[in-house]
Amino acid sequence: MSGVRLICQRLLYGAEKREALSSAGILCKVTDMYKNEILRMLRSSGTYVSGQDLCRELGISRTAVWKNIRQLEEDGYEIEASAGKGYRITGFPDTIAEEEVASILQTERVGKKIRYFSRIDSTNQYAKRIAEEGAEDGTLIIADEQTAGKGRSGRRWVTPPGEAIAFTLLLRPPLSPDRISMVTLVMGMAAAKAVRSLYDLPAGIKWPNDVVTGGRKLCGILTEMSAEVEKVHYIVIGVGINANICEFPEEIRQIATSLKLETGQDVNRAQVIARTMEYFERYYTVFEKDGDLSGLMEEYNALLLNRGRGVRVLDPAGAYTGTARGINSRGELIVERDDGAESMVYAGEVSVRGIYGYV
């Protein structure tokens, strides 16, 4: 519990500090922190946690503990209170709110700051706004519903409330702008591995970063950047995952699927977000150290559904067909053309389709 104690010491130094925060009108933020930490402690314990232990670890009164427990119950958590034993969680709501994701997220860097919205226009748009205001590296923005979500080439991305997953990660990478497109592939790897680790699904990647299972798209990723010629100010990586959606618009019905359709059951959306962030942090650390995908090529190519298959490359200079052989260290798709020549396909310039279908 030393980590919990350290967080509390940074924010609170006794009753005088609480009174100062309250008079400044920001007590609600501290309360949210308590609620998040209480949820994390109850969840990690798996059994009863005494009110005394909660008080001691968080440096708050029993009344404050009780108020936070009530708030968690109002949020949909089922919490059993037992005299002489304390509190334990017996049921969880289907939510991707901050306290739920924070209570299961196991990362050192990404997602340490979370902003949650029940409804928003676009998580990417919001992330760009707060990035301009100085929001820190690793900030995670989550929305239960997007009204103006978008995918690549300005396409609309559907995010119905309570059914889909939409989040954006804000990063300030110490990299040159020409390397940022590779980060999108890193996120694609993370999402695919998260799905494979949580569910019995053969999720893979359609180059460069679409996550696919059963020949249909499960997840889309859109990365946007603010940069100068040699310096990146920030990037925002938007991720949309079809979680518990059962019906899709007519125009995408033949190429889209969801975790629920593939598994036959509702999935825990917060768990999918947390696992994706955990894999992303692992892969991104390797990518940042190398400055390219050399340390991740083997694992990426193992997930690449296009590898060894016929593809049609839609190049502005002229479409051609060939066989995909995998990616190189810069994330370019190596395509052996039908005429025997070899091409390196850059994601920002062309699109790739399967000869006989989406993949």
Protein backbone atom coordinates (compact mmCIF):
# COMPACT_ATOMS: atom_id res chain seq x y z
CA MET A 1 0.00 0.00 0.00
CA SER A 2 3.03 2.31 -0.04
CA GLY A 3 2.01 3.63 -3.48
CA VAL A 4 -1.40 4.60 -2.16
CA ARG A 5 0.16 6.32 0.80
CA LEU A 6 2.55 8.28 -1.40
CA ILE A 7 -0.29 9.59 -3.57
CA CYS A 8 -2.21 10.70 -0.50
CA GLN A 9 0.77 12.45 1.02
CA ARG A 10 1.16 14.51 -2.12
CA LEU A 11 -2.42 15.71 -1.96
CA LEU A 12 -3.24 15.93 1.71
CA TYR A 13 -1.48 16.86 4.92
CA GLY A 14 -4.23 16.66 7.53
CA ALA A 15 -7.45 18.46 8.38
CA GLU A 16 -6.05 21.92 7.60
CA LYS A 17 -5.26 20.87 4.04
CA ARG A 18 -8.76 19.40 3.58
CA GLU A 19 -10.32 22.62 4.80
CA ALA A 20 -8.20 24.66 2.40
CA LEU A 21 -9.17 22.43 -0.51
CA SER A 22 -12.83 22.62 0.44
CA SER A 23 -12.79 26.42 0.67
CA ALA A 24 -11.10 26.54 -2.75
CA GLY A 25 -13.97 24.55 -4.22
CA ILE A 26 -11.89 21.52 -5.25
CA LEU A 27 -12.79 19.02 -2.56
CA CYS A 28 -14.71 17.02 -5.16
CA LYS A 29 -11.45 16.24 -6.96
CA VAL A 30 -9.86 14.91 -3.78
CA THR A 31 -12.99 12.89 -3.05
CA ASP A 32 -12.75 11.34 -6.51
CA MET A 33 -9.18 10.35 -5.73
CA TYR A 34 -10.31 8.70 -2.50
CA LYS A 35 -13.11 6.89 -4.32
CA ASN A 36 -10.67 5.60 -6.92
CA GLU A 37 -8.19 4.42 -4.30
CA ILE A 38 -10.88 2.77 -2.16
CA LEU A 39 -12.11 0.91 -5.23
CA ARG A 40 -8.58 -0.17 -6.09
CA MET A 41 -7.97 -1.41 -2.54
CA LEU A 42 -11.24 -3.33 -2.37
CA ARG A 43 -10.68 -4.84 -5.77
CA SER A 44 -7.10 -5.93 -5.17
CA SER A 45 -7.95 -7.46 -1.80
CA GLY A 46 -10.64 -9.84 -3.06
CA THR A 47 -12.02 -10.06 0.46
CA TYR A 48 -13.01 -7.70 3.28
CA VAL A 49 -11.00 -4.53 3.91
CA SER A 50 -11.60 -2.96 7.28
CA GLY A 51 -12.70 0.65 7.59
CA GLN A 52 -9.73 1.18 9.89
CA ASP A 53 -7.30 0.05 7.20
CA LEU A 54 -8.93 2.35 4.66
CA CYS A 55 -8.72 5.27 7.08
CA ARG A 56 -5.07 4.58 7.88
CA GLU A 57 -3.92 4.10 4.28
CA LEU A 58 -5.78 7.13 2.90
CA GLY A 59 -5.45 9.44 5.89
CA ILE A 60 -9.18 10.16 6.08
CA SER A 61 -11.95 9.73 8.65
CA ARG A 62 -14.42 6.86 8.90
CA THR A 63 -17.14 9.28 7.82
CA ALA A 64 -15.19 10.08 4.66
CA VAL A 65 -14.76 6.36 3.97
CA TRP A 66 -18.49 5.79 4.40
CA LYS A 67 -19.33 8.69 2.05
CA ASN A 68 -17.04 7.33 -0.63
CA ILE A 69 -18.49 3.84 -0.25
CA ARG A 70 -21.97 5.33 -0.75
CA GLN A 71 -20.74 7.12 -3.90
CA LEU A 72 -19.40 3.86 -5.29
CA GLU A 73 -22.75 2.20 -4.62
CA GLU A 74 -24.50 5.04 -6.43
CA ASP A 75 -22.18 4.37 -9.37
CA GLY A 76 -23.45 0.79 -9.50
CA TYR A 77 -20.90 -1.13 -7.43
CA GLU A 78 -22.35 -3.71 -5.04
CA ILE A 79 -20.50 -3.43 -1.74
CA GLU A 80 -21.18 -5.58 1.31
CA ALA A 81 -20.54 -4.09 4.74
CA SER A 82 -19.99 -6.43 7.65
CA ALA A 83 -19.48 -5.46 11.29
CA GLY A 84 -16.03 -6.44 12.47
CA LYS A 85 -14.87 -7.29 8.92
CA GLY A 86 -15.25 -4.14 6.85
CA TYR A 87 -16.21 -3.84 3.19
CA ARG A 88 -15.94 -6.07 0.14
CA ILE A 89 -17.11 -5.79 -3.47
CA THR A 90 -19.67 -8.32 -4.65
CA GLY A 91 -20.76 -6.84 -8.00
CA PHE A 92 -19.54 -4.49 -10.70
CA PRO A 93 -21.38 -2.19 -13.10
CA ASP A 94 -20.76 -2.14 -16.86
CA THR A 95 -18.90 1.14 -16.89
CA ILE A 96 -15.77 2.63 -18.40
CA ALA A 97 -15.74 5.56 -15.98
CA GLU A 98 -12.46 6.80 -14.58
CA GLU A 99 -12.64 4.99 -11.24
CA GLU A 100 -13.32 1.62 -12.86
CA VAL A 101 -10.50 1.82 -15.41
CA ALA A 102 -8.08 3.29 -12.86
CA SER A 103 -8.82 0.49 -10.38
CA ILE A 104 -7.61 -2.22 -12.79
CA LEU A 105 -5.01 -0.38 -14.86
CA GLN A 106 -1.46 -1.61 -14.26
CA THR A 107 0.81 0.88 -15.98
CA GLU A 108 3.62 3.19 -14.93
CA ARG A 109 3.10 5.95 -17.45
CA VAL A 110 0.08 5.82 -19.73
CA GLY A 111 -3.34 6.41 -18.23
CA LYS A 112 -2.09 7.84 -14.96
CA LYS A 113 -4.32 10.81 -15.74
CA ILE A 114 -7.80 9.84 -16.95
CA ARG A 115 -10.63 12.07 -18.12
CA TYR A 116 -13.99 10.40 -18.65
CA PHE A 117 -17.09 11.68 -20.46
CA SER A 118 -20.46 10.01 -20.71
CA ARG A 119 -20.95 11.92 -23.98
CA ILE A 120 -18.56 13.96 -26.11
CA ASP A 121 -18.16 15.06 -29.71
CA SER A 122 -14.78 13.38 -30.25
CA THR A 123 -12.11 12.13 -27.86
CA ASN A 124 -9.43 13.09 -30.39
CA GLN A 125 -10.77 16.63 -30.68
CA TYR A 126 -10.89 17.01 -26.91
CA ALA A 127 -7.38 15.55 -26.56
CA LYS A 128 -6.03 18.13 -29.01
CA ARG A 129 -7.72 20.95 -27.11
CA ILE A 130 -6.22 19.98 -23.76
CA ALA A 131 -2.85 19.24 -25.38
CA GLU A 132 -2.72 22.87 -26.50
CA GLU A 133 -3.44 23.84 -22.88
CA GLY A 134 -0.50 21.79 -21.59
CA ALA A 135 -2.07 18.43 -20.62
CA GLU A 136 0.62 15.95 -19.69
CA ASP A 137 2.06 13.03 -21.61
CA GLY A 138 0.10 9.82 -21.07
CA THR A 139 -3.28 11.45 -20.43
CA LEU A 140 -6.11 9.10 -21.36
CA ILE A 141 -9.52 10.40 -22.51
CA ILE A 142 -12.42 7.93 -22.44
CA ALA A 143 -15.98 8.40 -23.70
CA ASP A 144 -19.06 6.22 -23.37
CA GLU A 145 -20.57 7.90 -26.44
CA GLN A 146 -19.12 9.97 -29.28
CA THR A 147 -21.37 12.14 -31.42
CA ALA A 148 -18.72 13.07 -33.98
CA GLY A 149 -16.18 10.27 -33.86
CA LYS A 150 -14.11 9.83 -37.00
CA GLY A 151 -11.82 7.32 -38.59
CA ARG A 152 -9.25 7.60 -41.35
CA SER A 153 -9.96 9.78 -44.38
CA GLY A 154 -12.69 11.59 -42.44
CA ARG A 155 -14.95 8.54 -42.22
CA ARG A 156 -17.53 8.48 -39.42
CA TRP A 157 -16.85 6.09 -36.52
CA VAL A 158 -19.95 4.84 -34.71
CA THR A 159 -19.78 4.90 -30.89
CA PRO A 160 -23.22 4.06 -29.44
CA PRO A 161 -23.57 4.60 -25.66
CA GLY A 162 -22.94 1.59 -23.46
CA GLU A 163 -21.89 -0.65 -26.37
CA ALA A 164 -18.60 0.56 -27.83
CA ILE A 165 -15.20 1.66 -26.60
CA ALA A 166 -13.75 5.04 -27.55
CA PHE A 167 -10.59 6.45 -26.05
CA THR A 168 -7.68 8.69 -27.01
CA LEU A 169 -4.16 8.65 -25.62
CA LEU A 170 -2.18 11.90 -25.57
CA LEU A 171 1.58 11.55 -25.96
CA ARG A 172 4.51 13.93 -26.26
CA PRO A 173 7.14 11.67 -27.83
CA PRO A 174 10.78 12.81 -28.16
CA LEU A 175 10.80 11.72 -31.80
CA SER A 176 11.00 13.37 -35.20
CA PRO A 177 7.71 13.76 -37.12
CA ASP A 178 8.71 11.21 -39.77
CA ARG A 179 8.60 8.43 -37.13
CA ILE A 180 5.14 9.12 -35.73
CA SER A 181 3.23 6.96 -38.21
CA MET A 182 4.90 3.94 -36.59
CA VAL A 183 3.19 4.68 -33.26
CA THR A 184 -0.13 3.80 -34.90
CA LEU A 185 1.20 0.32 -35.65
CA VAL A 186 2.29 0.01 -32.01
CA MET A 187 -1.26 0.75 -30.87
CA GLY A 188 -2.64 -1.76 -33.38
CA MET A 189 -0.37 -4.43 -31.90
CA ALA A 190 -1.51 -3.53 -28.39
CA ALA A 191 -5.21 -3.75 -29.22
CA ALA A 192 -4.81 -7.06 -31.04
CA LYS A 193 -2.81 -8.60 -28.20
CA ALA A 194 -5.30 -7.33 -25.64
CA VAL A 195 -8.17 -9.04 -27.46
CA ARG A 196 -6.22 -12.28 -27.87
CA SER A 197 -5.22 -12.33 -24.20
CA LEU A 198 -8.74 -11.70 -22.91
CA TYR A 199 -10.82 -13.79 -25.32
CA ASP A 200 -10.44 -16.93 -27.38
CA LEU A 201 -10.32 -15.00 -30.64
CA PRO A 202 -7.66 -15.13 -33.40
CA ALA A 203 -7.46 -11.34 -33.64
CA GLY A 204 -4.81 -10.03 -35.99
CA ILE A 205 -3.78 -6.90 -37.86
CA LYS A 206 -4.70 -5.80 -41.34
CA TRP A 207 -1.82 -3.53 -42.26
CA PRO A 208 -1.16 -1.00 -40.99
CA ASN A 209 -3.30 -0.99 -37.84
CA ASP A 210 -6.86 -2.30 -38.25
CA VAL A 211 -7.61 -5.08 -35.75
CA VAL A 212 -9.53 -7.86 -37.47
CA THR A 213 -11.09 -11.16 -36.44
CA GLY A 214 -13.13 -13.53 -38.55
CA GLY A 215 -12.30 -11.42 -41.60
CA ARG A 216 -14.09 -8.37 -40.21
CA LYS A 217 -12.92 -5.17 -38.59
CA LEU A 218 -13.04 -5.00 -34.82
CA CYS A 219 -10.98 -1.91 -34.07
CA GLY A 220 -9.88 1.24 -35.86
CA ILE A 221 -7.13 3.68 -34.93
CA LEU A 222 -6.59 7.30 -35.92
CA THR A 223 -3.39 9.18 -35.00
CA GLU A 224 -3.12 12.95 -35.35
CA MET A 225 -0.08 15.12 -34.74
CA SER A 226 0.94 18.69 -33.98
CA ALA A 227 4.51 19.28 -35.08
CA GLU A 228 7.09 21.54 -36.64
CA VAL A 229 9.66 20.45 -39.22
CA GLU A 230 11.89 18.66 -36.72
CA LYS A 231 9.86 18.63 -33.51
CA VAL A 232 6.66 16.94 -32.38
CA HIS A 233 4.57 18.97 -29.94
CA TYR A 234 2.11 16.13 -29.28
CA ILE A 235 0.22 13.28 -30.86
CA VAL A 236 -3.23 11.93 -30.07
CA ILE A 237 -4.06 8.30 -30.81
CA GLY A 238 -7.78 7.62 -31.06
CA VAL A 239 -8.97 4.04 -30.67
CA GLY A 240 -12.44 2.71 -31.38
CA ILE A 241 -13.25 -0.88 -30.44
CA ASN A 242 -16.57 -2.54 -31.21
CA ALA A 243 -17.32 -4.15 -27.86
CA ASN A 244 -20.99 -5.02 -27.27
CA ILE A 245 -22.48 -3.76 -30.53
CA CYS A 246 -24.94 -6.12 -32.20
CA GLU A 247 -26.12 -4.03 -35.16
CA PHE A 248 -24.06 -1.95 -37.58
CA PRO A 249 -25.10 0.61 -40.19
CA GLU A 250 -25.83 -0.90 -43.59
CA GLU A 251 -22.74 0.62 -45.21
CA ILE A 252 -20.30 -1.24 -42.91
CA ARG A 253 -22.32 -4.33 -41.98
CA GLN A 254 -20.32 -6.63 -44.24
CA ILE A 255 -16.90 -5.63 -42.95
CA ALA A 256 -17.49 -4.84 -39.24
CA THR A 257 -17.88 -7.07 -36.22
CA SER A 258 -17.78 -6.78 -32.42
CA LEU A 259 -16.42 -8.68 -29.47
CA LYS A 260 -19.95 -9.62 -28.46
CA LEU A 261 -20.82 -10.97 -31.90
CA GLU A 262 -17.63 -13.01 -31.98
CA THR A 263 -17.74 -14.35 -28.41
CA GLY A 264 -21.50 -14.60 -27.98
CA GLN A 265 -21.43 -12.70 -24.70
CA ASP A 266 -21.11 -9.20 -23.25
CA VAL A 267 -17.54 -8.16 -22.61
CA ASN A 268 -16.05 -5.99 -19.89
CA ARG A 269 -15.17 -2.75 -21.68
CA ALA A 270 -13.00 -1.34 -18.88
CA GLN A 271 -10.92 -4.49 -18.92
CA VAL A 272 -10.34 -4.16 -22.66
CA ILE A 273 -9.17 -0.55 -22.26
CA ALA A 274 -6.86 -1.40 -19.37
CA ARG A 275 -5.30 -4.40 -21.11
CA THR A 276 -4.77 -2.41 -24.32
CA MET A 277 -2.99 0.32 -22.37
CA GLU A 278 -0.80 -2.23 -20.59
CA TYR A 279 0.33 -3.80 -23.87
CA PHE A 280 0.79 -0.37 -25.45
CA GLU A 281 3.07 0.80 -22.64
CA ARG A 282 5.17 -2.34 -23.01
CA TYR A 283 5.52 -2.00 -26.79
CA TYR A 284 5.88 1.79 -26.79
CA THR A 285 8.80 1.57 -24.36
CA VAL A 286 10.64 -0.67 -26.84
CA PHE A 287 9.72 1.58 -29.76
CA GLU A 288 10.88 4.73 -27.98
CA LYS A 289 14.22 3.14 -27.09
CA ASP A 290 14.88 1.93 -30.64
CA GLY A 291 13.33 4.87 -32.47
CA ASP A 292 11.72 2.40 -34.90
CA LEU A 293 9.99 -0.99 -35.01
CA SER A 294 13.13 -3.14 -35.20
CA GLY A 295 12.49 -4.59 -31.74
CA LEU A 296 8.83 -5.27 -32.50
CA MET A 297 8.94 -6.50 -36.11
CA GLU A 298 8.83 -10.19 -35.30
CA GLU A 299 5.82 -9.90 -33.00
CA TYR A 300 4.00 -7.52 -35.35
CA ASN A 301 4.54 -9.80 -38.34
CA ALA A 302 3.23 -12.75 -36.35
CA LEU A 303 -0.05 -10.80 -35.97
CA LEU A 304 -0.12 -9.56 -39.58
CA LEU A 305 -3.04 -11.18 -41.39
CA ASN A 306 -1.85 -9.88 -44.77
CA ARG A 307 1.48 -11.69 -44.52
CA GLY A 308 1.94 -14.27 -47.25
CA ARG A 309 -1.34 -13.27 -48.89
CA GLY A 310 -2.19 -11.57 -52.14
CA VAL A 311 -2.86 -7.83 -51.83
CA ARG A 312 -3.92 -5.00 -54.07
CA VAL A 313 -2.01 -1.78 -53.44
CA LEU A 314 -4.00 1.34 -54.29
CA ASP A 315 -1.14 3.71 -55.08
CA PRO A 316 -1.89 7.17 -56.56
CA ALA A 317 0.85 6.46 -59.08
CA GLY A 318 -0.94 3.30 -60.20
CA ALA A 319 -2.52 0.29 -58.50
CA TYR A 320 -0.73 -3.04 -58.54
CA THR A 321 -1.00 -6.51 -57.00
CA GLY A 322 1.48 -8.72 -55.24
CA THR A 323 2.15 -10.71 -52.08
CA ALA A 324 2.66 -9.11 -48.66
CA ARG A 325 5.85 -10.29 -46.95
CA GLY A 326 5.66 -8.40 -43.65
CA ILE A 327 6.89 -5.03 -42.41
CA ASN A 328 10.36 -3.54 -42.18
CA SER A 329 11.79 -1.62 -39.23
CA ARG A 330 9.97 1.57 -40.33
CA GLY A 331 6.58 -0.10 -40.48
CA GLU A 332 6.44 -0.12 -44.27
CA LEU A 333 4.73 -3.13 -45.84
CA ILE A 334 7.07 -5.17 -47.99
CA VAL A 335 5.19 -6.26 -51.11
CA GLU A 336 6.60 -8.65 -53.69
CA ARG A 337 4.94 -7.56 -56.91
CA ASP A 338 3.58 -10.05 -59.38
CA ASP A 339 6.36 -9.03 -61.76
CA GLY A 340 9.01 -9.98 -59.15
CA ALA A 341 9.94 -6.44 -58.09
CA GLU A 342 9.83 -5.49 -54.40
CA SER A 343 8.04 -2.37 -53.10
CA MET A 344 7.99 -0.70 -49.69
CA VAL A 345 4.49 0.61 -49.03
CA TYR A 346 4.19 3.61 -46.71
CA ALA A 347 0.94 3.83 -44.74
CA GLY A 348 0.46 7.55 -45.22
CA GLU A 349 0.44 7.35 -49.00
CA VAL A 350 -1.56 4.31 -50.08
CA SER A 351 -4.12 1.78 -48.93
CA VAL A 352 -3.95 -1.98 -49.19
CA ARG A 353 -6.81 -4.41 -49.73
CA GLY A 354 -7.03 -8.15 -50.02
CA ILE A 355 -7.47 -9.30 -53.59
CA TYR A 356 -10.66 -11.21 -52.78
CA GLY A 357 -11.97 -9.24 -49.82
CA TYR A 358 -11.33 -6.81 -46.99
CA VAL A 359 -8.18 -8.58 -45.74
